[in-house]
Every structure is written in structure tokens, then in C-alpha cells.
mmCIF file of all heavy atoms, coordinates in Angstrom:
data_MODEL
# 
_entry.id   MODEL 
# 
loop_
_atom_site.group_PDB 
_atom_site.id 
_atom_site.type_symbol 
_atom_site.label_atom_id 
_atom_site.label_alt_id 
_atom_site.label_comp_id 
_atom_site.label_asym_id 
_atom_site.label_entity_id 
_atom_site.label_seq_id 
_atom_site.pdbx_PDB_ins_code 
_atom_site.Cartn_x 
_atom_site.Cartn_y 
_atom_site.Cartn_z 
_atom_site.occupancy 
_atom_site.B_iso_or_equiv 
_atom_site.pdbx_formal_charge 
_atom_site.auth_seq_id 
_atom_site.auth_comp_id 
_atom_site.auth_asym_id 
_atom_site.auth_atom_id 
_atom_site.pdbx_PDB_model_num 
ATOM 1   N N   . VAL A 1 1  ? 0.832   -1.205 0.000   1.00 0.00 ? 1  VAL A N   1 
ATOM 2   C CA  . VAL A 1 1  ? 0.000   0.000  0.000   1.00 0.00 ? 1  VAL A CA  1 
ATOM 3   C C   . VAL A 1 1  ? 0.869   1.258  0.000   1.00 0.00 ? 1  VAL A C   1 
ATOM 4   O O   . VAL A 1 1  ? 0.547   2.239  -0.668  1.00 0.00 ? 1  VAL A O   1 
ATOM 5   C CB  . VAL A 1 1  ? -0.977  -0.008 1.204   1.00 0.00 ? 1  VAL A CB  1 
ATOM 6   C CG1 . VAL A 1 1  ? -1.702  1.326  1.330   1.00 0.00 ? 1  VAL A CG1 1 
ATOM 7   C CG2 . VAL A 1 1  ? -1.976  -1.144 1.065   1.00 0.00 ? 1  VAL A CG2 1 
ATOM 8   N N   . ILE A 1 2  ? 1.972   1.228  0.713   1.00 0.00 ? 2  ILE A N   1 
ATOM 9   C CA  . ILE A 1 2  ? 2.867   2.383  0.750   1.00 0.00 ? 2  ILE A CA  1 
ATOM 10  C C   . ILE A 1 2  ? 3.524   2.608  -0.606  1.00 0.00 ? 2  ILE A C   1 
ATOM 11  O O   . ILE A 1 2  ? 3.633   3.746  -1.075  1.00 0.00 ? 2  ILE A O   1 
ATOM 12  C CB  . ILE A 1 2  ? 3.942   2.200  1.845   1.00 0.00 ? 2  ILE A CB  1 
ATOM 13  C CG1 . ILE A 1 2  ? 3.300   2.315  3.223   1.00 0.00 ? 2  ILE A CG1 1 
ATOM 14  C CG2 . ILE A 1 2  ? 5.070   3.214  1.686   1.00 0.00 ? 2  ILE A CG2 1 
ATOM 15  C CD1 . ILE A 1 2  ? 4.224   1.943  4.367   1.00 0.00 ? 2  ILE A CD1 1 
ATOM 16  N N   . GLU A 1 3  ? 3.960   1.537  -1.258  1.00 0.00 ? 3  GLU A N   1 
ATOM 17  C CA  . GLU A 1 3  ? 4.743   1.665  -2.486  1.00 0.00 ? 3  GLU A CA  1 
ATOM 18  C C   . GLU A 1 3  ? 3.911   1.777  -3.758  1.00 0.00 ? 3  GLU A C   1 
ATOM 19  O O   . GLU A 1 3  ? 4.352   2.369  -4.738  1.00 0.00 ? 3  GLU A O   1 
ATOM 20  C CB  . GLU A 1 3  ? 5.715   0.491  -2.603  1.00 0.00 ? 3  GLU A CB  1 
ATOM 21  C CG  . GLU A 1 3  ? 6.785   0.521  -1.534  1.00 0.00 ? 3  GLU A CG  1 
ATOM 22  C CD  . GLU A 1 3  ? 7.725   -0.657 -1.613  1.00 0.00 ? 3  GLU A CD  1 
ATOM 23  O OE1 . GLU A 1 3  ? 7.479   -1.599 -2.406  1.00 0.00 ? 3  GLU A OE1 1 
ATOM 24  O OE2 . GLU A 1 3  ? 8.716   -0.647 -0.860  1.00 0.00 ? 3  GLU A OE2 1 
ATOM 25  N N   . ASP A 1 4  ? 2.704   1.216  -3.768  1.00 0.00 ? 4  ASP A N   1 
ATOM 26  C CA  . ASP A 1 4  ? 1.870   1.214  -4.974  1.00 0.00 ? 4  ASP A CA  1 
ATOM 27  C C   . ASP A 1 4  ? 0.946   2.433  -4.949  1.00 0.00 ? 4  ASP A C   1 
ATOM 28  O O   . ASP A 1 4  ? -0.100  2.437  -4.327  1.00 0.00 ? 4  ASP A O   1 
ATOM 29  C CB  . ASP A 1 4  ? 1.053   -0.080 -5.030  1.00 0.00 ? 4  ASP A CB  1 
ATOM 30  C CG  . ASP A 1 4  ? 0.256   -0.244 -6.314  1.00 0.00 ? 4  ASP A CG  1 
ATOM 31  O OD1 . ASP A 1 4  ? -0.076  0.766  -6.964  1.00 0.00 ? 4  ASP A OD1 1 
ATOM 32  O OD2 . ASP A 1 4  ? -0.052  -1.403 -6.663  1.00 0.00 ? 4  ASP A OD2 1 
ATOM 33  N N   . GLU A 1 5  ? 1.363   3.492  -5.650  1.00 0.00 ? 5  GLU A N   1 
ATOM 34  C CA  . GLU A 1 5  ? 0.616   4.746  -5.651  1.00 0.00 ? 5  GLU A CA  1 
ATOM 35  C C   . GLU A 1 5  ? -0.806  4.579  -6.180  1.00 0.00 ? 5  GLU A C   1 
ATOM 36  O O   . GLU A 1 5  ? -1.740  5.193  -5.661  1.00 0.00 ? 5  GLU A O   1 
ATOM 37  C CB  . GLU A 1 5  ? 1.354   5.816  -6.458  1.00 0.00 ? 5  GLU A CB  1 
ATOM 38  C CG  . GLU A 1 5  ? 2.645   6.297  -5.821  1.00 0.00 ? 5  GLU A CG  1 
ATOM 39  C CD  . GLU A 1 5  ? 2.439   7.021  -4.504  1.00 0.00 ? 5  GLU A CD  1 
ATOM 40  O OE1 . GLU A 1 5  ? 1.410   7.716  -4.357  1.00 0.00 ? 5  GLU A OE1 1 
ATOM 41  O OE2 . GLU A 1 5  ? 3.302   6.879  -3.609  1.00 0.00 ? 5  GLU A OE2 1 
ATOM 42  N N   . ASN A 1 6  ? -0.970  3.762  -7.218  1.00 0.00 ? 6  ASN A N   1 
ATOM 43  C CA  . ASN A 1 6  ? -2.313  3.550  -7.774  1.00 0.00 ? 6  ASN A CA  1 
ATOM 44  C C   . ASN A 1 6  ? -3.218  2.873  -6.754  1.00 0.00 ? 6  ASN A C   1 
ATOM 45  O O   . ASN A 1 6  ? -4.384  3.271  -6.589  1.00 0.00 ? 6  ASN A O   1 
ATOM 46  C CB  . ASN A 1 6  ? -2.255  2.715  -9.055  1.00 0.00 ? 6  ASN A CB  1 
ATOM 47  C CG  . ASN A 1 6  ? -1.696  3.497  -10.216 1.00 0.00 ? 6  ASN A CG  1 
ATOM 48  O OD1 . ASN A 1 6  ? -1.839  4.710  -10.287 1.00 0.00 ? 6  ASN A OD1 1 
ATOM 49  N ND2 . ASN A 1 6  ? -1.045  2.798  -11.137 1.00 0.00 ? 6  ASN A ND2 1 
ATOM 50  N N   . LEU A 1 7  ? -2.709  1.857  -6.090  1.00 0.00 ? 7  LEU A N   1 
ATOM 51  C CA  . LEU A 1 7  ? -3.479  1.162  -5.068  1.00 0.00 ? 7  LEU A CA  1 
ATOM 52  C C   . LEU A 1 7  ? -3.825  2.126  -3.937  1.00 0.00 ? 7  LEU A C   1 
ATOM 53  O O   . LEU A 1 7  ? -4.980  2.187  -3.486  1.00 0.00 ? 7  LEU A O   1 
ATOM 54  C CB  . LEU A 1 7  ? -2.700  -0.039 -4.519  1.00 0.00 ? 7  LEU A CB  1 
ATOM 55  C CG  . LEU A 1 7  ? -3.336  -0.789 -3.359  1.00 0.00 ? 7  LEU A CG  1 
ATOM 56  C CD1 . LEU A 1 7  ? -4.699  -1.357 -3.743  1.00 0.00 ? 7  LEU A CD1 1 
ATOM 57  C CD2 . LEU A 1 7  ? -2.404  -1.889 -2.873  1.00 0.00 ? 7  LEU A CD2 1 
ATOM 58  N N   . LYS A 1 8  ? -2.831  2.872  -3.480  1.00 0.00 ? 8  LYS A N   1 
ATOM 59  C CA  . LYS A 1 8  ? -3.050  3.823  -2.392  1.00 0.00 ? 8  LYS A CA  1 
ATOM 60  C C   . LYS A 1 8  ? -4.117  4.845  -2.767  1.00 0.00 ? 8  LYS A C   1 
ATOM 61  O O   . LYS A 1 8  ? -5.053  5.098  -2.000  1.00 0.00 ? 8  LYS A O   1 
ATOM 62  C CB  . LYS A 1 8  ? -1.745  4.535  -2.043  1.00 0.00 ? 8  LYS A CB  1 
ATOM 63  C CG  . LYS A 1 8  ? -1.869  5.465  -0.873  1.00 0.00 ? 8  LYS A CG  1 
ATOM 64  C CD  . LYS A 1 8  ? -0.607  6.212  -0.462  1.00 0.00 ? 8  LYS A CD  1 
ATOM 65  C CE  . LYS A 1 8  ? 0.636   5.900  -1.189  1.00 0.00 ? 8  LYS A CE  1 
ATOM 66  N NZ  . LYS A 1 8  ? 1.807   6.647  -0.729  1.00 0.00 ? 8  LYS A NZ  1 
ATOM 67  N N   . ASP A 1 9  ? -4.019  5.432  -3.955  1.00 0.00 ? 9  ASP A N   1 
ATOM 68  C CA  . ASP A 1 9  ? -4.999  6.425  -4.405  1.00 0.00 ? 9  ASP A CA  1 
ATOM 69  C C   . ASP A 1 9  ? -6.399  5.824  -4.529  1.00 0.00 ? 9  ASP A C   1 
ATOM 70  O O   . ASP A 1 9  ? -7.390  6.459  -4.157  1.00 0.00 ? 9  ASP A O   1 
ATOM 71  C CB  . ASP A 1 9  ? -4.571  7.041  -5.743  1.00 0.00 ? 9  ASP A CB  1 
ATOM 72  C CG  . ASP A 1 9  ? -3.347  7.925  -5.616  1.00 0.00 ? 9  ASP A CG  1 
ATOM 73  O OD1 . ASP A 1 9  ? -3.026  8.346  -4.482  1.00 0.00 ? 9  ASP A OD1 1 
ATOM 74  O OD2 . ASP A 1 9  ? -2.713  8.195  -6.652  1.00 0.00 ? 9  ASP A OD2 1 
ATOM 75  N N   . THR A 1 10 ? -6.471  4.593  -5.035  1.00 0.00 ? 10 THR A N   1 
ATOM 76  C CA  . THR A 1 10 ? -7.761  3.913  -5.167  1.00 0.00 ? 10 THR A CA  1 
ATOM 77  C C   . THR A 1 10 ? -8.400  3.692  -3.800  1.00 0.00 ? 10 THR A C   1 
ATOM 78  O O   . THR A 1 10 ? -9.587  3.961  -3.608  1.00 0.00 ? 10 THR A O   1 
ATOM 79  C CB  . THR A 1 10 ? -7.597  2.567  -5.894  1.00 0.00 ? 10 THR A CB  1 
ATOM 80  O OG1 . THR A 1 10 ? -7.103  2.810  -7.212  1.00 0.00 ? 10 THR A OG1 1 
ATOM 81  C CG2 . THR A 1 10 ? -8.904  1.801  -5.969  1.00 0.00 ? 10 THR A CG2 1 
ATOM 82  N N   . LEU A 1 11 ? -7.610  3.234  -2.836  1.00 0.00 ? 11 LEU A N   1 
ATOM 83  C CA  . LEU A 1 11 ? -8.134  2.995  -1.490  1.00 0.00 ? 11 LEU A CA  1 
ATOM 84  C C   . LEU A 1 11 ? -8.576  4.296  -0.828  1.00 0.00 ? 11 LEU A C   1 
ATOM 85  O O   . LEU A 1 11 ? -9.612  4.332  -0.147  1.00 0.00 ? 11 LEU A O   1 
ATOM 86  C CB  . LEU A 1 11 ? -7.091  2.286  -0.626  1.00 0.00 ? 11 LEU A CB  1 
ATOM 87  C CG  . LEU A 1 11 ? -6.750  0.852  -1.033  1.00 0.00 ? 11 LEU A CG  1 
ATOM 88  C CD1 . LEU A 1 11 ? -5.599  0.322  -0.175  1.00 0.00 ? 11 LEU A CD1 1 
ATOM 89  C CD2 . LEU A 1 11 ? -7.962  -0.053 -0.932  1.00 0.00 ? 11 LEU A CD2 1 
ATOM 90  N N   . ILE A 1 12 ? -7.831  5.359  -1.042  1.00 0.00 ? 12 ILE A N   1 
ATOM 91  C CA  . ILE A 1 12 ? -8.203  6.662  -0.476  1.00 0.00 ? 12 ILE A CA  1 
ATOM 92  C C   . ILE A 1 12 ? -9.534  7.127  -1.049  1.00 0.00 ? 12 ILE A C   1 
ATOM 93  O O   . ILE A 1 12 ? -10.437 7.541  -0.308  1.00 0.00 ? 12 ILE A O   1 
ATOM 94  C CB  . ILE A 1 12 ? -7.095  7.702  -0.723  1.00 0.00 ? 12 ILE A CB  1 
ATOM 95  C CG1 . ILE A 1 12 ? -5.873  7.374  0.144   1.00 0.00 ? 12 ILE A CG1 1 
ATOM 96  C CG2 . ILE A 1 12 ? -7.608  9.119  -0.446  1.00 0.00 ? 12 ILE A CG2 1 
ATOM 97  C CD1 . ILE A 1 12 ? -4.633  8.190  -0.204  1.00 0.00 ? 12 ILE A CD1 1 
ATOM 98  N N   . GLN A 1 13 ? -9.686  7.045  -2.358  1.00 0.00 ? 13 GLN A N   1 
ATOM 99  C CA  . GLN A 1 13 ? -10.933 7.484  -2.993  1.00 0.00 ? 13 GLN A CA  1 
ATOM 100 C C   . GLN A 1 13 ? -12.115 6.629  -2.539  1.00 0.00 ? 13 GLN A C   1 
ATOM 101 O O   . GLN A 1 13 ? -13.196 7.143  -2.249  1.00 0.00 ? 13 GLN A O   1 
ATOM 102 C CB  . GLN A 1 13 ? -10.799 7.454  -4.518  1.00 0.00 ? 13 GLN A CB  1 
ATOM 103 C CG  . GLN A 1 13 ? -9.854  8.500  -5.060  1.00 0.00 ? 13 GLN A CG  1 
ATOM 104 C CD  . GLN A 1 13 ? -10.206 9.905  -4.581  1.00 0.00 ? 13 GLN A CD  1 
ATOM 105 O OE1 . GLN A 1 13 ? -11.344 10.332 -4.642  1.00 0.00 ? 13 GLN A OE1 1 
ATOM 106 N NE2 . GLN A 1 13 ? -9.205  10.614 -4.090  1.00 0.00 ? 13 GLN A NE2 1 
ATOM 107 N N   . LYS A 1 14 ? -11.918 5.320  -2.468  1.00 0.00 ? 14 LYS A N   1 
ATOM 108 C CA  . LYS A 1 14 ? -12.989 4.445  -1.999  1.00 0.00 ? 14 LYS A CA  1 
ATOM 109 C C   . LYS A 1 14 ? -13.320 4.725  -0.537  1.00 0.00 ? 14 LYS A C   1 
ATOM 110 O O   . LYS A 1 14 ? -14.479 4.640  -0.125  1.00 0.00 ? 14 LYS A O   1 
ATOM 111 C CB  . LYS A 1 14 ? -12.601 2.978  -2.187  1.00 0.00 ? 14 LYS A CB  1 
ATOM 112 C CG  . LYS A 1 14 ? -12.620 2.545  -3.638  1.00 0.00 ? 14 LYS A CG  1 
ATOM 113 C CD  . LYS A 1 14 ? -12.264 1.083  -3.775  1.00 0.00 ? 14 LYS A CD  1 
ATOM 114 C CE  . LYS A 1 14 ? -12.355 0.651  -5.238  1.00 0.00 ? 14 LYS A CE  1 
ATOM 115 N NZ  . LYS A 1 14 ? -12.100 -0.786 -5.385  1.00 0.00 ? 14 LYS A NZ  1 
ATOM 116 N N   . GLY A 1 15 ? -12.318 5.084  0.236   1.00 0.00 ? 15 GLY A N   1 
ATOM 117 C CA  . GLY A 1 15 ? -12.536 5.438  1.635   1.00 0.00 ? 15 GLY A CA  1 
ATOM 118 C C   . GLY A 1 15 ? -13.394 6.686  1.770   1.00 0.00 ? 15 GLY A C   1 
ATOM 119 O O   . GLY A 1 15 ? -14.297 6.749  2.613   1.00 0.00 ? 15 GLY A O   1 
ATOM 120 N N   . PHE A 1 16 ? -13.118 7.696  0.945   1.00 0.00 ? 16 PHE A N   1 
ATOM 121 C CA  . PHE A 1 16 ? -13.923 8.920  0.968   1.00 0.00 ? 16 PHE A CA  1 
ATOM 122 C C   . PHE A 1 16 ? -15.375 8.629  0.605   1.00 0.00 ? 16 PHE A C   1 
ATOM 123 O O   . PHE A 1 16 ? -16.296 9.214  1.191   1.00 0.00 ? 16 PHE A O   1 
ATOM 124 C CB  . PHE A 1 16 ? -13.354 9.978  0.022   1.00 0.00 ? 16 PHE A CB  1 
ATOM 125 C CG  . PHE A 1 16 ? -12.136 10.678 0.553   1.00 0.00 ? 16 PHE A CG  1 
ATOM 126 C CD1 . PHE A 1 16 ? -11.029 10.858 -0.253  1.00 0.00 ? 16 PHE A CD1 1 
ATOM 127 C CD2 . PHE A 1 16 ? -12.086 11.177 1.845   1.00 0.00 ? 16 PHE A CD2 1 
ATOM 128 C CE1 . PHE A 1 16 ? -9.903  11.509 0.219   1.00 0.00 ? 16 PHE A CE1 1 
ATOM 129 C CE2 . PHE A 1 16 ? -10.963 11.827 2.329   1.00 0.00 ? 16 PHE A CE2 1 
ATOM 130 C CZ  . PHE A 1 16 ? -9.868  11.992 1.516   1.00 0.00 ? 16 PHE A CZ  1 
ATOM 131 N N   . LEU A 1 17 ? -15.597 7.716  -0.334  1.00 0.00 ? 17 LEU A N   1 
ATOM 132 C CA  . LEU A 1 17 ? -16.963 7.337  -0.693  1.00 0.00 ? 17 LEU A CA  1 
ATOM 133 C C   . LEU A 1 17 ? -17.619 6.526  0.426   1.00 0.00 ? 17 LEU A C   1 
ATOM 134 O O   . LEU A 1 17 ? -18.790 6.718  0.753   1.00 0.00 ? 17 LEU A O   1 
ATOM 135 C CB  . LEU A 1 17 ? -16.975 6.544  -2.001  1.00 0.00 ? 17 LEU A CB  1 
ATOM 136 C CG  . LEU A 1 17 ? -16.562 7.296  -3.254  1.00 0.00 ? 17 LEU A CG  1 
ATOM 137 C CD1 . LEU A 1 17 ? -16.461 6.342  -4.442  1.00 0.00 ? 17 LEU A CD1 1 
ATOM 138 C CD2 . LEU A 1 17 ? -17.541 8.425  -3.548  1.00 0.00 ? 17 LEU A CD2 1 
ATOM 139 N N   . ARG A 1 18 ? -16.860 5.632  1.014   1.00 0.00 ? 18 ARG A N   1 
ATOM 140 C CA  . ARG A 1 18 ? -17.393 4.740  2.048   1.00 0.00 ? 18 ARG A CA  1 
ATOM 141 C C   . ARG A 1 18 ? -17.816 5.508  3.298   1.00 0.00 ? 18 ARG A C   1 
ATOM 142 O O   . ARG A 1 18 ? -18.828 5.196  3.921   1.00 0.00 ? 18 ARG A O   1 
ATOM 143 C CB  . ARG A 1 18 ? -16.322 3.698  2.399   1.00 0.00 ? 18 ARG A CB  1 
ATOM 144 C CG  . ARG A 1 18 ? -16.785 2.640  3.343   1.00 0.00 ? 18 ARG A CG  1 
ATOM 145 C CD  . ARG A 1 18 ? -17.632 1.615  2.642   1.00 0.00 ? 18 ARG A CD  1 
ATOM 146 N NE  . ARG A 1 18 ? -18.067 0.618  3.607   1.00 0.00 ? 18 ARG A NE  1 
ATOM 147 C CZ  . ARG A 1 18 ? -19.304 0.209  3.739   1.00 0.00 ? 18 ARG A CZ  1 
ATOM 148 N NH1 . ARG A 1 18 ? -20.247 0.663  2.955   1.00 0.00 ? 18 ARG A NH1 1 
ATOM 149 N NH2 . ARG A 1 18 ? -19.620 -0.676 4.649   1.00 0.00 ? 18 ARG A NH2 1 
ATOM 150 N N   . VAL A 1 19 ? -17.052 6.510  3.663   1.00 0.00 ? 19 VAL A N   1 
ATOM 151 C CA  . VAL A 1 19 ? -17.326 7.259  4.892   1.00 0.00 ? 19 VAL A CA  1 
ATOM 152 C C   . VAL A 1 19 ? -18.671 7.978  4.836   1.00 0.00 ? 19 VAL A C   1 
ATOM 153 O O   . VAL A 1 19 ? -19.283 8.247  5.874   1.00 0.00 ? 19 VAL A O   1 
ATOM 154 C CB  . VAL A 1 19 ? -16.168 8.244  5.200   1.00 0.00 ? 19 VAL A CB  1 
ATOM 155 C CG1 . VAL A 1 19 ? -16.219 9.458  4.295   1.00 0.00 ? 19 VAL A CG1 1 
ATOM 156 C CG2 . VAL A 1 19 ? -16.177 8.668  6.652   1.00 0.00 ? 19 VAL A CG2 1 
ATOM 157 N N   . LYS A 1 20 ? -19.184 8.215  3.660   1.00 0.00 ? 20 LYS A N   1 
ATOM 158 C CA  . LYS A 1 20 ? -20.478 8.875  3.508   1.00 0.00 ? 20 LYS A CA  1 
ATOM 159 C C   . LYS A 1 20 ? -21.625 8.001  4.013   1.00 0.00 ? 20 LYS A C   1 
ATOM 160 O O   . LYS A 1 20 ? -22.719 8.494  4.253   1.00 0.00 ? 20 LYS A O   1 
ATOM 161 C CB  . LYS A 1 20 ? -20.718 9.256  2.044   1.00 0.00 ? 20 LYS A CB  1 
ATOM 162 C CG  . LYS A 1 20 ? -19.777 10.333 1.557   1.00 0.00 ? 20 LYS A CG  1 
ATOM 163 C CD  . LYS A 1 20 ? -20.020 10.645 0.095   1.00 0.00 ? 20 LYS A CD  1 
ATOM 164 C CE  . LYS A 1 20 ? -19.011 11.683 -0.395  1.00 0.00 ? 20 LYS A CE  1 
ATOM 165 N NZ  . LYS A 1 20 ? -19.214 11.990 -1.809  1.00 0.00 ? 20 LYS A NZ  1 
ATOM 166 N N   . ASN A 1 21 ? -21.372 6.701  4.179   1.00 0.00 ? 21 ASN A N   1 
ATOM 167 C CA  . ASN A 1 21 ? -22.392 5.776  4.675   1.00 0.00 ? 21 ASN A CA  1 
ATOM 168 C C   . ASN A 1 21 ? -22.534 5.802  6.191   1.00 0.00 ? 21 ASN A C   1 
ATOM 169 O O   . ASN A 1 21 ? -23.396 5.123  6.738   1.00 0.00 ? 21 ASN A O   1 
ATOM 170 C CB  . ASN A 1 21 ? -22.070 4.342  4.242   1.00 0.00 ? 21 ASN A CB  1 
ATOM 171 C CG  . ASN A 1 21 ? -22.164 4.161  2.754   1.00 0.00 ? 21 ASN A CG  1 
ATOM 172 O OD1 . ASN A 1 21 ? -23.098 4.654  2.131   1.00 0.00 ? 21 ASN A OD1 1 
ATOM 173 N ND2 . ASN A 1 21 ? -21.209 3.471  2.180   1.00 0.00 ? 21 ASN A ND2 1 
ATOM 174 N N   . PHE A 1 22 ? -21.694 6.564  6.876   1.00 0.00 ? 22 PHE A N   1 
ATOM 175 C CA  . PHE A 1 22 ? -21.675 6.540  8.329   1.00 0.00 ? 22 PHE A CA  1 
ATOM 176 C C   . PHE A 1 22 ? -21.817 7.949  8.898   1.00 0.00 ? 22 PHE A C   1 
ATOM 177 O O   . PHE A 1 22 ? -21.346 8.905  8.310   1.00 0.00 ? 22 PHE A O   1 
ATOM 178 C CB  . PHE A 1 22 ? -20.361 5.925  8.832   1.00 0.00 ? 22 PHE A CB  1 
ATOM 179 C CG  . PHE A 1 22 ? -20.113 4.548  8.303   1.00 0.00 ? 22 PHE A CG  1 
ATOM 180 C CD1 . PHE A 1 22 ? -19.317 4.354  7.186   1.00 0.00 ? 22 PHE A CD1 1 
ATOM 181 C CD2 . PHE A 1 22 ? -20.700 3.449  8.905   1.00 0.00 ? 22 PHE A CD2 1 
ATOM 182 C CE1 . PHE A 1 22 ? -19.104 3.078  6.676   1.00 0.00 ? 22 PHE A CE1 1 
ATOM 183 C CE2 . PHE A 1 22 ? -20.487 2.179  8.406   1.00 0.00 ? 22 PHE A CE2 1 
ATOM 184 C CZ  . PHE A 1 22 ? -19.683 1.989  7.299   1.00 0.00 ? 22 PHE A CZ  1 
ATOM 185 N N   . SER A 1 23 ? -22.491 8.036  10.029  1.00 0.00 ? 23 SER A N   1 
ATOM 186 C CA  . SER A 1 23 ? -22.584 9.310  10.754  1.00 0.00 ? 23 SER A CA  1 
ATOM 187 C C   . SER A 1 23 ? -22.855 8.993  12.222  1.00 0.00 ? 23 SER A C   1 
ATOM 188 O O   . SER A 1 23 ? -23.362 7.913  12.556  1.00 0.00 ? 23 SER A O   1 
ATOM 189 C CB  . SER A 1 23 ? -23.707 10.185 10.201  1.00 0.00 ? 23 SER A CB  1 
ATOM 190 O OG  . SER A 1 23 ? -24.975 9.678  10.579  1.00 0.00 ? 23 SER A OG  1 
ATOM 191 N N   . TRP A 1 24 ? -22.526 9.937  13.098  1.00 0.00 ? 24 TRP A N   1 
ATOM 192 C CA  . TRP A 1 24 ? -22.790 9.744  14.517  1.00 0.00 ? 24 TRP A CA  1 
ATOM 193 C C   . TRP A 1 24 ? -24.286 9.671  14.766  1.00 0.00 ? 24 TRP A C   1 
ATOM 194 O O   . TRP A 1 24 ? -24.750 8.889  15.599  1.00 0.00 ? 24 TRP A O   1 
ATOM 195 C CB  . TRP A 1 24 ? -22.150 10.863 15.344  1.00 0.00 ? 24 TRP A CB  1 
ATOM 196 C CG  . TRP A 1 24 ? -20.682 10.706 15.449  1.00 0.00 ? 24 TRP A CG  1 
ATOM 197 C CD1 . TRP A 1 24 ? -19.729 11.498 14.877  1.00 0.00 ? 24 TRP A CD1 1 
ATOM 198 C CD2 . TRP A 1 24 ? -19.966 9.674  16.144  1.00 0.00 ? 24 TRP A CD2 1 
ATOM 199 N NE1 . TRP A 1 24 ? -18.473 11.029 15.176  1.00 0.00 ? 24 TRP A NE1 1 
ATOM 200 C CE2 . TRP A 1 24 ? -18.591 9.907  15.958  1.00 0.00 ? 24 TRP A CE2 1 
ATOM 201 C CE3 . TRP A 1 24 ? -20.352 8.582  16.916  1.00 0.00 ? 24 TRP A CE3 1 
ATOM 202 C CZ2 . TRP A 1 24 ? -17.614 9.099  16.500  1.00 0.00 ? 24 TRP A CZ2 1 
ATOM 203 C CZ3 . TRP A 1 24 ? -19.369 7.771  17.464  1.00 0.00 ? 24 TRP A CZ3 1 
ATOM 204 C CH2 . TRP A 1 24 ? -18.021 8.030  17.253  1.00 0.00 ? 24 TRP A CH2 1 
# 
């Protein structure tokens, strides 16, 4: 994950989308 920039960027973008499913 640290070395593969494409993988890292993909996970970050998916994380930003995923977080929208949760709220306090």
C-alpha cells in the first residue's frame, strides 16, 4: 500500500466514498 501509488490512491478514494455511509 505504501509503495503502490495507484493502489493507495484507489483505497483513499474508496474510503472517501465509504465514509459517507456513516454518521454519529
